[in-house]
Amino acid sequence: MPNGSSPDEFLLLSFVDTRELQLLHFSLFLGIYLAVLLGNGLIIAAVACNHRLHTPMYFFLLNLSLLDLGTISTTVPKSMANSLWDTRAISYSGCVAQTFLFVFFFGGEYCLLTAMAYDRFLAICKHLHYETLMGNRGCVRMAAAVWASGILNALLHTANTFSIPLCQGNTVDQFFCEIPQILKLSCSDSYRREAGLIVVTASLSLGCFIFIVVSYVQIFTAVLRMPSEQGRHKAFSMCLPHLAVVSLFIITDMFAYLKPPSISSPALDLVVAVLYAVVPPTVNPLIYSMRNKELKDALRKVISWTF
């Protein structure tokens, strides 16, 4: 490959080398992918078909399920196909598309979790003004802002990453096209513009994280002051699933990108990528449906209509 040029294709990191284990990996990822499709698909159908769930909380939950489906559909099918056909290759245009979609869905989910924290804050701490502040227009505007910010973030990062000359080979040490791994292929000092954009995005993410933490401090303060035990139980049931999803998302994300370089290795990076790219979309439907009676009832109706 000429110096300063970009490759025609990239080679992704494979999970296993032997044919038997490749087929096992394909079967395992296929089972996970089908479970994600089923779980999030049922939530989307339940919220869309049940008029009792046409509230801001469930509207945002529907958007979260859509983003979860997008996130896992961006990475897992290609990994399954590579294991099935015993290859590691992904085309240059395929890598660009995968990078854009992953950053779009992943960044959009973080913005959505922040919006959901704001919704919980208004519902509990500003309940007298909740209907005014979170009407249909307010929900649609917040959702539109989430999707628009995801698109803008993905466009900036993807354009910056793939405008950099790549002269360190074409092997990506990850099972999908991940920006930090692609930057390792860049020519010396040519990655600084993208690194600066990553710093800006990290700063905005930190701001969202602080907002979520402050919101939940005020939420739990208000809940603990409630005189009714039933009211406290209802408030905790509404907030704890979202807090669990936020914690899972942030912990896996922080471990992936803030772990010390001294403990970094291709095998560990592979495991961590599965934790933050595959596990959250898989368990989010379980977390939200576990203690939510309204959602459980709606899911039962959808399943009965289906079967």
C-alpha atoms as a PDB file:
ATOM      1  CA  MET A   1       0.000   0.000   0.000  1.00  0.00           C
ATOM      2  CA  PRO A   2       1.528   3.328  -1.022  1.00  0.00           C
ATOM      3  CA  ASN A   3       2.500   5.704   1.750  1.00  0.00           C
ATOM      4  CA  GLY A   4      -0.375   7.984   2.750  1.00  0.00           C
ATOM      5  CA  SER A   5      -3.034   6.045   0.816  1.00  0.00           C
ATOM      6  CA  SER A   6      -6.042   4.198   2.213  1.00  0.00           C
ATOM      7  CA  PRO A   7      -6.628   0.432   1.866  1.00  0.00           C
ATOM      8  CA  ASP A   8      -9.342  -1.075  -0.313  1.00  0.00           C
ATOM      9  CA  GLU A   9     -10.471  -3.288   2.578  1.00  0.00           C
ATOM     10  CA  PHE A  10      -9.798  -3.887   6.261  1.00  0.00           C
ATOM     11  CA  LEU A  11      -9.183  -7.102   8.175  1.00  0.00           C
ATOM     12  CA  LEU A  12     -11.198  -7.384  11.375  1.00  0.00           C
ATOM     13  CA  LEU A  13     -10.113  -9.278  14.468  1.00  0.00           C
ATOM     14  CA  SER A  14     -11.588 -12.777  14.586  1.00  0.00           C
ATOM     15  CA  PHE A  15     -12.849 -14.342  17.811  1.00  0.00           C
ATOM     16  CA  VAL A  16     -11.455 -17.815  17.054  1.00  0.00           C
ATOM     17  CA  ASP A  17      -9.362 -19.559  14.412  1.00  0.00           C
ATOM     18  CA  THR A  18     -10.594 -23.169  14.263  1.00  0.00           C
ATOM     19  CA  ARG A  19     -13.623 -23.986  12.110  1.00  0.00           C
ATOM     20  CA  GLU A  20     -15.586 -25.659  14.918  1.00  0.00           C
ATOM     21  CA  LEU A  21     -15.194 -22.643  17.206  1.00  0.00           C
ATOM     22  CA  GLN A  22     -16.087 -20.281  14.366  1.00  0.00           C
ATOM     23  CA  LEU A  23     -19.391 -22.108  13.932  1.00  0.00           C
ATOM     24  CA  LEU A  24     -19.911 -22.005  17.701  1.00  0.00           C
ATOM     25  CA  HIS A  25     -19.288 -18.246  17.677  1.00  0.00           C
ATOM     26  CA  PHE A  26     -21.763 -17.866  14.812  1.00  0.00           C
ATOM     27  CA  SER A  27     -24.411 -19.858  16.699  1.00  0.00           C
ATOM     28  CA  LEU A  28     -23.853 -17.928  19.939  1.00  0.00           C
ATOM     29  CA  PHE A  29     -24.049 -14.513  18.269  1.00  0.00           C
ATOM     30  CA  LEU A  30     -27.075 -15.644  16.252  1.00  0.00           C
ATOM     31  CA  GLY A  31     -28.874 -16.598  19.474  1.00  0.00           C
ATOM     32  CA  ILE A  32     -27.982 -13.248  21.085  1.00  0.00           C
ATOM     33  CA  TYR A  33     -29.038 -11.312  17.992  1.00  0.00           C
ATOM     34  CA  LEU A  34     -32.389 -13.086  17.744  1.00  0.00           C
ATOM     35  CA  ALA A  35     -32.993 -12.471  21.468  1.00  0.00           C
ATOM     36  CA  VAL A  36     -32.291  -8.746  20.995  1.00  0.00           C
ATOM     37  CA  LEU A  37     -34.595  -8.591  17.976  1.00  0.00           C
ATOM     38  CA  LEU A  38     -37.351 -10.365  19.904  1.00  0.00           C
ATOM     39  CA  GLY A  39     -36.994  -8.410  23.161  1.00  0.00           C
ATOM     40  CA  ASN A  40     -36.731  -4.954  21.671  1.00  0.00           C
ATOM     41  CA  GLY A  41     -39.260  -5.752  18.940  1.00  0.00           C
ATOM     42  CA  LEU A  42     -41.826  -6.775  21.559  1.00  0.00           C
ATOM     43  CA  ILE A  43     -41.251  -3.549  23.508  1.00  0.00           C
ATOM     44  CA  ILE A  44     -41.682  -1.450  20.347  1.00  0.00           C
ATOM     45  CA  ALA A  45     -44.881  -3.320  19.453  1.00  0.00           C
ATOM     46  CA  ALA A  46     -46.231  -3.112  23.027  1.00  0.00           C
ATOM     47  CA  VAL A  47     -45.666   0.647  23.295  1.00  0.00           C
ATOM     48  CA  ALA A  48     -46.979   1.357  19.801  1.00  0.00           C
ATOM     49  CA  CYS A  49     -50.142  -0.758  20.146  1.00  0.00           C
ATOM     50  CA  ASN A  50     -51.161  -0.020  23.742  1.00  0.00           C
ATOM     51  CA  HIS A  51     -52.726   3.425  24.213  1.00  0.00           C
ATOM     52  CA  ARG A  52     -52.076   3.268  27.972  1.00  0.00           C
ATOM     53  CA  LEU A  53     -48.365   3.353  27.182  1.00  0.00           C
ATOM     54  CA  HIS A  54     -48.560   6.489  25.054  1.00  0.00           C
ATOM     55  CA  THR A  55     -46.751   8.538  27.696  1.00  0.00           C
ATOM     56  CA  PRO A  56     -43.349  10.295  27.597  1.00  0.00           C
ATOM     57  CA  MET A  57     -41.623   7.531  29.597  1.00  0.00           C
ATOM     58  CA  TYR A  58     -42.661   4.778  27.203  1.00  0.00           C
ATOM     59  CA  PHE A  59     -42.154   6.993  24.154  1.00  0.00           C
ATOM     60  CA  PHE A  60     -38.499   7.370  25.138  1.00  0.00           C
ATOM     61  CA  LEU A  61     -38.323   3.629  25.893  1.00  0.00           C
ATOM     62  CA  LEU A  62     -39.510   2.918  22.337  1.00  0.00           C
ATOM     63  CA  ASN A  63     -36.730   5.152  20.999  1.00  0.00           C
ATOM     64  CA  LEU A  64     -34.220   3.356  23.220  1.00  0.00           C
ATOM     65  CA  SER A  65     -35.284  -0.003  21.768  1.00  0.00           C
ATOM     66  CA  LEU A  66     -34.854   1.364  18.238  1.00  0.00           C
ATOM     67  CA  LEU A  67     -31.340   2.580  19.075  1.00  0.00           C
ATOM     68  CA  ASP A  68     -30.475  -0.761  20.717  1.00  0.00           C
ATOM     69  CA  LEU A  69     -31.597  -2.614  17.588  1.00  0.00           C
ATOM     70  CA  GLY A  70     -29.507  -0.292  15.447  1.00  0.00           C
ATOM     71  CA  THR A  71     -26.403  -0.641  17.631  1.00  0.00           C
ATOM     72  CA  ILE A  72     -26.324  -4.423  17.629  1.00  0.00           C
ATOM     73  CA  SER A  73     -27.391  -4.705  13.971  1.00  0.00           C
ATOM     74  CA  THR A  74     -24.379  -2.609  12.980  1.00  0.00           C
ATOM     75  CA  THR A  75     -21.760  -4.957  14.447  1.00  0.00           C
ATOM     76  CA  VAL A  76     -23.055  -8.477  15.130  1.00  0.00           C
ATOM     77  CA  PRO A  77     -24.375  -9.567  11.679  1.00  0.00           C
ATOM     78  CA  LYS A  78     -21.044  -8.778   9.975  1.00  0.00           C
ATOM     79  CA  SER A  79     -19.144 -10.666  12.685  1.00  0.00           C
ATOM     80  CA  MET A  80     -21.477 -13.644  12.253  1.00  0.00           C
ATOM     81  CA  ALA A  81     -21.060 -13.572   8.464  1.00  0.00           C
ATOM     82  CA  ASN A  82     -17.255 -13.489   8.766  1.00  0.00           C
ATOM     83  CA  SER A  83     -17.262 -16.498  11.102  1.00  0.00           C
ATOM     84  CA  LEU A  84     -19.659 -18.406   8.868  1.00  0.00           C
ATOM     85  CA  TRP A  85     -17.662 -17.771   5.701  1.00  0.00           C
ATOM     86  CA  ASP A  86     -14.243 -18.010   7.420  1.00  0.00           C
ATOM     87  CA  THR A  87     -13.069 -14.525   6.479  1.00  0.00           C
ATOM     88  CA  ARG A  88     -11.965 -11.349   8.255  1.00  0.00           C
ATOM     89  CA  ALA A  89     -12.453  -8.857   5.430  1.00  0.00           C
ATOM     90  CA  ILE A  90     -14.709  -5.810   5.352  1.00  0.00           C
ATOM     91  CA  SER A  91     -14.674  -3.386   2.429  1.00  0.00           C
ATOM     92  CA  TYR A  92     -13.527   0.206   2.853  1.00  0.00           C
ATOM     93  CA  SER A  93     -17.035   1.542   2.207  1.00  0.00           C
ATOM     94  CA  GLY A  94     -18.474  -1.102   4.555  1.00  0.00           C
ATOM     95  CA  CYS A  95     -16.080   0.005   7.291  1.00  0.00           C
ATOM     96  CA  VAL A  96     -17.052   3.657   6.769  1.00  0.00           C
ATOM     97  CA  ALA A  97     -20.750   2.759   6.976  1.00  0.00           C
ATOM     98  CA  GLN A  98     -20.225   0.599  10.063  1.00  0.00           C
ATOM     99  CA  THR A  99     -18.281   3.351  11.816  1.00  0.00           C
ATOM    100  CA  PHE A 100     -20.910   5.972  11.006  1.00  0.00           C
ATOM    101  CA  LEU A 101     -23.843   3.805  12.119  1.00  0.00           C
ATOM    102  CA  PHE A 102     -22.182   2.618  15.322  1.00  0.00           C
ATOM    103  CA  VAL A 103     -21.231   6.149  16.414  1.00  0.00           C
ATOM    104  CA  PHE A 104     -24.702   7.361  15.435  1.00  0.00           C
ATOM    105  CA  PHE A 105     -26.638   4.743  17.411  1.00  0.00           C
ATOM    106  CA  PHE A 106     -24.206   4.620  20.333  1.00  0.00           C
ATOM    107  CA  GLY A 107     -23.998   8.408  20.734  1.00  0.00           C
ATOM    108  CA  GLY A 108     -27.737   8.758  20.238  1.00  0.00           C
ATOM    109  CA  GLU A 109     -28.367   6.261  23.035  1.00  0.00           C
ATOM    110  CA  TYR A 110     -26.266   8.273  25.468  1.00  0.00           C
ATOM    111  CA  CYS A 111     -28.176  11.457  24.575  1.00  0.00           C
ATOM    112  CA  LEU A 112     -31.462   9.587  24.945  1.00  0.00           C
ATOM    113  CA  LEU A 113     -30.527   8.264  28.389  1.00  0.00           C
ATOM    114  CA  THR A 114     -29.830  11.871  29.385  1.00  0.00           C
ATOM    115  CA  ALA A 115     -33.240  12.939  28.075  1.00  0.00           C
ATOM    116  CA  MET A 116     -34.861  10.066  29.970  1.00  0.00           C
ATOM    117  CA  ALA A 117     -33.164  11.224  33.183  1.00  0.00           C
ATOM    118  CA  TYR A 118     -34.623  14.694  32.596  1.00  0.00           C
ATOM    119  CA  ASP A 119     -38.067  13.138  32.085  1.00  0.00           C
ATOM    120  CA  ARG A 120     -37.775  11.232  35.382  1.00  0.00           C
ATOM    121  CA  PHE A 121     -36.636  14.424  37.134  1.00  0.00           C
ATOM    122  CA  LEU A 122     -39.649  16.378  35.880  1.00  0.00           C
ATOM    123  CA  ALA A 123     -42.086  13.550  36.688  1.00  0.00           C
ATOM    124  CA  ILE A 124     -40.964  13.340  40.325  1.00  0.00           C
ATOM    125  CA  CYS A 125     -39.523  16.723  41.267  1.00  0.00           C
ATOM    126  CA  LYS A 126     -41.737  18.971  39.093  1.00  0.00           C
ATOM    127  CA  HIS A 127     -44.844  16.821  38.890  1.00  0.00           C
ATOM    128  CA  LEU A 128     -47.252  19.781  39.066  1.00  0.00           C
ATOM    129  CA  HIS A 129     -45.778  21.185  35.826  1.00  0.00           C
ATOM    130  CA  TYR A 130     -44.984  17.832  34.190  1.00  0.00           C
ATOM    131  CA  GLU A 131     -47.884  17.810  31.706  1.00  0.00           C
ATOM    132  CA  THR A 132     -46.987  21.310  30.552  1.00  0.00           C
ATOM    133  CA  LEU A 133     -43.241  20.721  30.231  1.00  0.00           C
ATOM    134  CA  MET A 134     -43.433  17.209  28.735  1.00  0.00           C
ATOM    135  CA  GLY A 135     -46.359  17.379  26.328  1.00  0.00           C
ATOM    136  CA  ASN A 136     -46.390  15.674  22.949  1.00  0.00           C
ATOM    137  CA  ARG A 137     -44.471  18.479  21.283  1.00  0.00           C
ATOM    138  CA  GLY A 138     -41.827  18.499  23.997  1.00  0.00           C
ATOM    139  CA  CYS A 139     -41.282  14.736  23.677  1.00  0.00           C
ATOM    140  CA  VAL A 140     -41.035  14.873  19.890  1.00  0.00           C
ATOM    141  CA  ARG A 141     -38.595  17.791  20.029  1.00  0.00           C
ATOM    142  CA  MET A 142     -36.373  16.030  22.544  1.00  0.00           C
ATOM    143  CA  ALA A 143     -36.405  12.811  20.493  1.00  0.00           C
ATOM    144  CA  ALA A 144     -35.638  14.766  17.313  1.00  0.00           C
ATOM    145  CA  ALA A 145     -32.741  16.483  19.093  1.00  0.00           C
ATOM    146  CA  VAL A 146     -31.407  13.087  20.201  1.00  0.00           C
ATOM    147  CA  TRP A 147     -31.465  11.628  16.687  1.00  0.00           C
ATOM    148  CA  ALA A 148     -30.100  14.822  15.116  1.00  0.00           C
ATOM    149  CA  SER A 149     -27.212  15.014  17.603  1.00  0.00           C
ATOM    150  CA  GLY A 150     -26.408  11.368  16.884  1.00  0.00           C
ATOM    151  CA  ILE A 151     -26.278  12.029  13.144  1.00  0.00           C
ATOM    152  CA  LEU A 152     -24.140  15.162  13.547  1.00  0.00           C
ATOM    153  CA  ASN A 153     -21.742  13.408  15.926  1.00  0.00           C
ATOM    154  CA  ALA A 154     -21.413  10.423  13.579  1.00  0.00           C
ATOM    155  CA  LEU A 155     -20.843  12.630  10.519  1.00  0.00           C
ATOM    156  CA  LEU A 156     -18.084  14.616  12.215  1.00  0.00           C
ATOM    157  CA  HIS A 157     -16.238  11.589  13.619  1.00  0.00           C
ATOM    158  CA  THR A 158     -16.567   9.476  10.477  1.00  0.00           C
ATOM    159  CA  ALA A 159     -15.508  12.273   8.135  1.00  0.00           C
ATOM    160  CA  ASN A 160     -12.508  13.134  10.318  1.00  0.00           C
ATOM    161  CA  THR A 161     -11.407   9.536  10.809  1.00  0.00           C
ATOM    162  CA  PHE A 162     -11.496   8.526   7.155  1.00  0.00           C
ATOM    163  CA  SER A 163      -9.987  11.776   5.878  1.00  0.00           C
ATOM    164  CA  ILE A 164      -6.782  10.798   7.685  1.00  0.00           C
ATOM    165  CA  PRO A 165      -4.176   8.919   5.583  1.00  0.00           C
ATOM    166  CA  LEU A 166      -3.851   5.315   6.759  1.00  0.00           C
ATOM    167  CA  CYS A 167      -0.363   3.941   6.210  1.00  0.00           C
ATOM    168  CA  GLN A 168       0.086   1.401   9.021  1.00  0.00           C
ATOM    169  CA  GLY A 169      -1.540  -1.558   7.264  1.00  0.00           C
ATOM    170  CA  ASN A 170      -5.198  -2.574   7.166  1.00  0.00           C
ATOM    171  CA  THR A 171      -5.619  -4.826  10.226  1.00  0.00           C
ATOM    172  CA  VAL A 172      -8.179  -3.520  12.722  1.00  0.00           C
ATOM    173  CA  ASP A 173      -7.700  -5.037  16.193  1.00  0.00           C
ATOM    174  CA  GLN A 174     -11.438  -5.273  16.867  1.00  0.00           C
ATOM    175  CA  PHE A 175     -14.385  -7.313  15.597  1.00  0.00           C
ATOM    176  CA  PHE A 176     -15.924  -4.178  14.065  1.00  0.00           C
ATOM    177  CA  CYS A 177     -14.603  -0.884  12.702  1.00  0.00           C
ATOM    178  CA  GLU A 178     -13.939   1.053  15.898  1.00  0.00           C
ATOM    179  CA  ILE A 179     -12.502   4.573  15.627  1.00  0.00           C
ATOM    180  CA  PRO A 180      -9.643   4.171  18.177  1.00  0.00           C
ATOM    181  CA  GLN A 181      -8.450   1.042  16.380  1.00  0.00           C
ATOM    182  CA  ILE A 182      -8.640   2.727  12.961  1.00  0.00           C
ATOM    183  CA  LEU A 183      -6.640   5.689  14.279  1.00  0.00           C
ATOM    184  CA  LYS A 184      -3.836   3.277  15.130  1.00  0.00           C
ATOM    185  CA  LEU A 185      -3.437   2.753  11.362  1.00  0.00           C
ATOM    186  CA  SER A 186      -2.967   6.477  10.682  1.00  0.00           C
ATOM    187  CA  CYS A 187       0.281   8.092   9.686  1.00  0.00           C
ATOM    188  CA  SER A 188       2.245   9.797  12.462  1.00  0.00           C
ATOM    189  CA  ASP A 189       0.683  13.009  13.812  1.00  0.00           C
ATOM    190  CA  SER A 190      -2.151  12.886  11.249  1.00  0.00           C
ATOM    191  CA  TYR A 191      -4.726  11.807  13.848  1.00  0.00           C
ATOM    192  CA  ARG A 192      -4.582  14.971  15.977  1.00  0.00           C
ATOM    193  CA  ARG A 193      -7.700  16.558  14.449  1.00  0.00           C
ATOM    194  CA  GLU A 194      -9.824  13.494  15.239  1.00  0.00           C
ATOM    195  CA  ALA A 195      -8.213  13.246  18.677  1.00  0.00           C
ATOM    196  CA  GLY A 196      -9.279  16.836  19.346  1.00  0.00           C
ATOM    197  CA  LEU A 197     -12.837  16.016  18.275  1.00  0.00           C
ATOM    198  CA  ILE A 198     -12.818  13.012  20.605  1.00  0.00           C
ATOM    199  CA  VAL A 199     -11.803  15.311  23.480  1.00  0.00           C
ATOM    200  CA  VAL A 200     -14.724  17.645  22.677  1.00  0.00           C
ATOM    201  CA  THR A 201     -17.151  14.708  22.533  1.00  0.00           C
ATOM    202  CA  ALA A 202     -15.763  13.319  25.782  1.00  0.00           C
ATOM    203  CA  SER A 203     -16.302  16.698  27.440  1.00  0.00           C
ATOM    204  CA  LEU A 204     -19.920  16.800  26.265  1.00  0.00           C
ATOM    205  CA  SER A 205     -20.387  13.210  27.463  1.00  0.00           C
ATOM    206  CA  LEU A 206     -19.000  14.194  30.850  1.00  0.00           C
ATOM    207  CA  GLY A 207     -21.508  17.038  30.959  1.00  0.00           C
ATOM    208  CA  CYS A 208     -24.349  14.575  30.251  1.00  0.00           C
ATOM    209  CA  PHE A 209     -23.018  12.258  32.954  1.00  0.00           C
ATOM    210  CA  ILE A 210     -22.923  15.089  35.525  1.00  0.00           C
ATOM    211  CA  PHE A 211     -26.462  16.097  34.523  1.00  0.00           C
ATOM    212  CA  ILE A 212     -27.703  12.519  35.054  1.00  0.00           C
ATOM    213  CA  VAL A 213     -25.983  12.271  38.448  1.00  0.00           C
ATOM    214  CA  VAL A 214     -27.350  15.631  39.640  1.00  0.00           C
ATOM    215  CA  SER A 215     -30.834  14.702  38.393  1.00  0.00           C
ATOM    216  CA  TYR A 216     -30.833  11.455  40.325  1.00  0.00           C
ATOM    217  CA  VAL A 217     -29.521  13.083  43.490  1.00  0.00           C
ATOM    218  CA  GLN A 218     -32.523  15.425  43.378  1.00  0.00           C
ATOM    219  CA  ILE A 219     -34.878  12.562  42.430  1.00  0.00           C
ATOM    220  CA  PHE A 220     -33.842  10.349  45.346  1.00  0.00           C
ATOM    221  CA  THR A 221     -33.954  13.326  47.726  1.00  0.00           C
ATOM    222  CA  ALA A 222     -37.543  14.012  46.644  1.00  0.00           C
ATOM    223  CA  VAL A 223     -38.528  10.330  46.813  1.00  0.00           C
ATOM    224  CA  LEU A 224     -37.194   9.873  50.333  1.00  0.00           C
ATOM    225  CA  ARG A 225     -39.281  12.863  51.474  1.00  0.00           C
ATOM    226  CA  MET A 226     -42.515  11.305  50.209  1.00  0.00           C
ATOM    227  CA  PRO A 227     -44.842  10.466  53.125  1.00  0.00           C
ATOM    228  CA  SER A 228     -46.531   7.568  51.297  1.00  0.00           C
ATOM    229  CA  GLU A 229     -44.711   4.250  51.102  1.00  0.00           C
ATOM    230  CA  GLN A 230     -46.729   3.359  48.009  1.00  0.00           C
ATOM    231  CA  GLY A 231     -45.625   6.604  46.358  1.00  0.00           C
ATOM    232  CA  ARG A 232     -41.981   5.887  47.131  1.00  0.00           C
ATOM    233  CA  HIS A 233     -42.318   2.356  45.753  1.00  0.00           C
ATOM    234  CA  LYS A 234     -43.898   3.639  42.519  1.00  0.00           C
ATOM    235  CA  ALA A 235     -41.192   6.280  42.103  1.00  0.00           C
ATOM    236  CA  PHE A 236     -38.391   3.787  42.669  1.00  0.00           C
ATOM    237  CA  SER A 237     -40.008   1.326  40.239  1.00  0.00           C
ATOM    238  CA  MET A 238     -40.047   4.077  37.610  1.00  0.00           C
ATOM    239  CA  CYS A 239     -36.449   5.217  38.175  1.00  0.00           C
ATOM    240  CA  LEU A 240     -34.431   2.121  39.069  1.00  0.00           C
ATOM    241  CA  PRO A 241     -34.653   0.405  35.625  1.00  0.00           C
ATOM    242  CA  HIS A 242     -33.404   3.563  33.920  1.00  0.00           C
ATOM    243  CA  LEU A 243     -30.644   3.976  36.491  1.00  0.00           C
ATOM    244  CA  ALA A 244     -29.588   0.343  35.963  1.00  0.00           C
ATOM    245  CA  VAL A 245     -29.444   0.838  32.176  1.00  0.00           C
ATOM    246  CA  VAL A 246     -27.460   4.080  32.564  1.00  0.00           C
ATOM    247  CA  SER A 247     -25.018   2.405  34.970  1.00  0.00           C
ATOM    248  CA  LEU A 248     -24.481  -0.564  32.638  1.00  0.00           C
ATOM    249  CA  PHE A 249     -23.976   1.735  29.652  1.00  0.00           C
ATOM    250  CA  ILE A 250     -21.564   4.110  31.371  1.00  0.00           C
ATOM    251  CA  ILE A 251     -19.531   1.485  33.269  1.00  0.00           C
ATOM    252  CA  THR A 252     -18.855  -0.655  30.191  1.00  0.00           C
ATOM    253  CA  ASP A 253     -18.141   2.432  28.087  1.00  0.00           C
ATOM    254  CA  MET A 254     -15.724   3.919  30.637  1.00  0.00           C
ATOM    255  CA  PHE A 255     -13.902   0.630  31.074  1.00  0.00           C
ATOM    256  CA  ALA A 256     -13.548   0.297  27.304  1.00  0.00           C
ATOM    257  CA  TYR A 257     -12.059   3.741  26.721  1.00  0.00           C
ATOM    258  CA  LEU A 258     -10.441   4.684  30.040  1.00  0.00           C
ATOM    259  CA  LYS A 259      -8.662   1.462  30.964  1.00  0.00           C
ATOM    260  CA  PRO A 260      -4.860   1.832  31.392  1.00  0.00           C
ATOM    261  CA  PRO A 261      -2.857   1.106  28.207  1.00  0.00           C
ATOM    262  CA  SER A 262      -0.658  -1.228  30.259  1.00  0.00           C
ATOM    263  CA  ILE A 263      -3.480  -3.787  30.560  1.00  0.00           C
ATOM    264  CA  SER A 264      -4.650  -3.405  26.973  1.00  0.00           C
ATOM    265  CA  SER A 265      -4.439  -6.432  24.690  1.00  0.00           C
ATOM    266  CA  PRO A 266      -6.382  -7.587  21.604  1.00  0.00           C
ATOM    267  CA  ALA A 267      -8.149 -10.315  23.614  1.00  0.00           C
ATOM    268  CA  LEU A 268      -9.167  -7.926  26.427  1.00  0.00           C
ATOM    269  CA  ASP A 269     -10.234  -5.228  23.963  1.00  0.00           C
ATOM    270  CA  LEU A 270     -12.381  -7.827  22.202  1.00  0.00           C
ATOM    271  CA  VAL A 271     -14.121  -8.857  25.425  1.00  0.00           C
ATOM    272  CA  VAL A 272     -14.657  -5.242  26.499  1.00  0.00           C
ATOM    273  CA  ALA A 273     -16.118  -4.358  23.086  1.00  0.00           C
ATOM    274  CA  VAL A 274     -18.648  -7.179  23.473  1.00  0.00           C
ATOM    275  CA  LEU A 275     -19.527  -5.837  26.934  1.00  0.00           C
ATOM    276  CA  TYR A 276     -20.369  -2.324  25.752  1.00  0.00           C
ATOM    277  CA  ALA A 277     -21.615  -3.029  22.205  1.00  0.00           C
ATOM    278  CA  VAL A 278     -23.555  -6.298  22.657  1.00  0.00           C
ATOM    279  CA  VAL A 279     -24.527  -6.726  26.322  1.00  0.00           C
ATOM    280  CA  PRO A 280     -26.561  -3.483  26.904  1.00  0.00           C
ATOM    281  CA  PRO A 281     -28.922  -3.984  23.919  1.00  0.00           C
ATOM    282  CA  THR A 282     -29.425  -7.579  25.082  1.00  0.00           C
ATOM    283  CA  VAL A 283     -30.293  -6.908  28.720  1.00  0.00           C
ATOM    284  CA  ASN A 284     -32.102  -3.542  28.404  1.00  0.00           C
ATOM    285  CA  PRO A 285     -35.496  -5.153  27.570  1.00  0.00           C
ATOM    286  CA  LEU A 286     -35.138  -7.479  30.576  1.00  0.00           C
ATOM    287  CA  ILE A 287     -34.261  -4.602  32.912  1.00  0.00           C
ATOM    288  CA  TYR A 288     -37.222  -2.475  31.842  1.00  0.00           C
ATOM    289  CA  SER A 289     -39.788  -5.285  31.842  1.00  0.00           C
ATOM    290  CA  MET A 290     -38.688  -6.955  35.085  1.00  0.00           C
ATOM    291  CA  ARG A 291     -40.482  -4.640  37.570  1.00  0.00           C
ATOM    292  CA  ASN A 292     -42.877  -2.774  35.287  1.00  0.00           C
ATOM    293  CA  LYS A 293     -46.389  -4.217  35.588  1.00  0.00           C
ATOM    294  CA  GLU A 294     -47.876  -2.006  32.857  1.00  0.00           C
ATOM    295  CA  LEU A 295     -45.200  -3.071  30.377  1.00  0.00           C
ATOM    296  CA  LYS A 296     -45.557  -6.733  31.365  1.00  0.00           C
ATOM    297  CA  ASP A 297     -49.301  -6.629  30.738  1.00  0.00           C
ATOM    298  CA  ALA A 298     -48.779  -4.952  27.362  1.00  0.00           C
ATOM    299  CA  LEU A 299     -46.136  -7.515  26.388  1.00  0.00           C
ATOM    300  CA  ARG A 300     -48.501 -10.379  27.305  1.00  0.00           C
ATOM    301  CA  LYS A 301     -51.164  -8.884  25.036  1.00  0.00           C
ATOM    302  CA  VAL A 302     -48.709  -8.568  22.149  1.00  0.00           C
ATOM    303  CA  ILE A 303     -47.529 -12.157  22.614  1.00  0.00           C
ATOM    304  CA  SER A 304     -51.133 -13.415  22.767  1.00  0.00           C
ATOM    305  CA  TRP A 305     -51.981 -11.531  19.561  1.00  0.00           C
ATOM    306  CA  THR A 306     -48.890 -12.996  17.875  1.00  0.00           C
ATOM    307  CA  PHE A 307     -49.393 -16.590  18.884  1.00  0.00           C
END
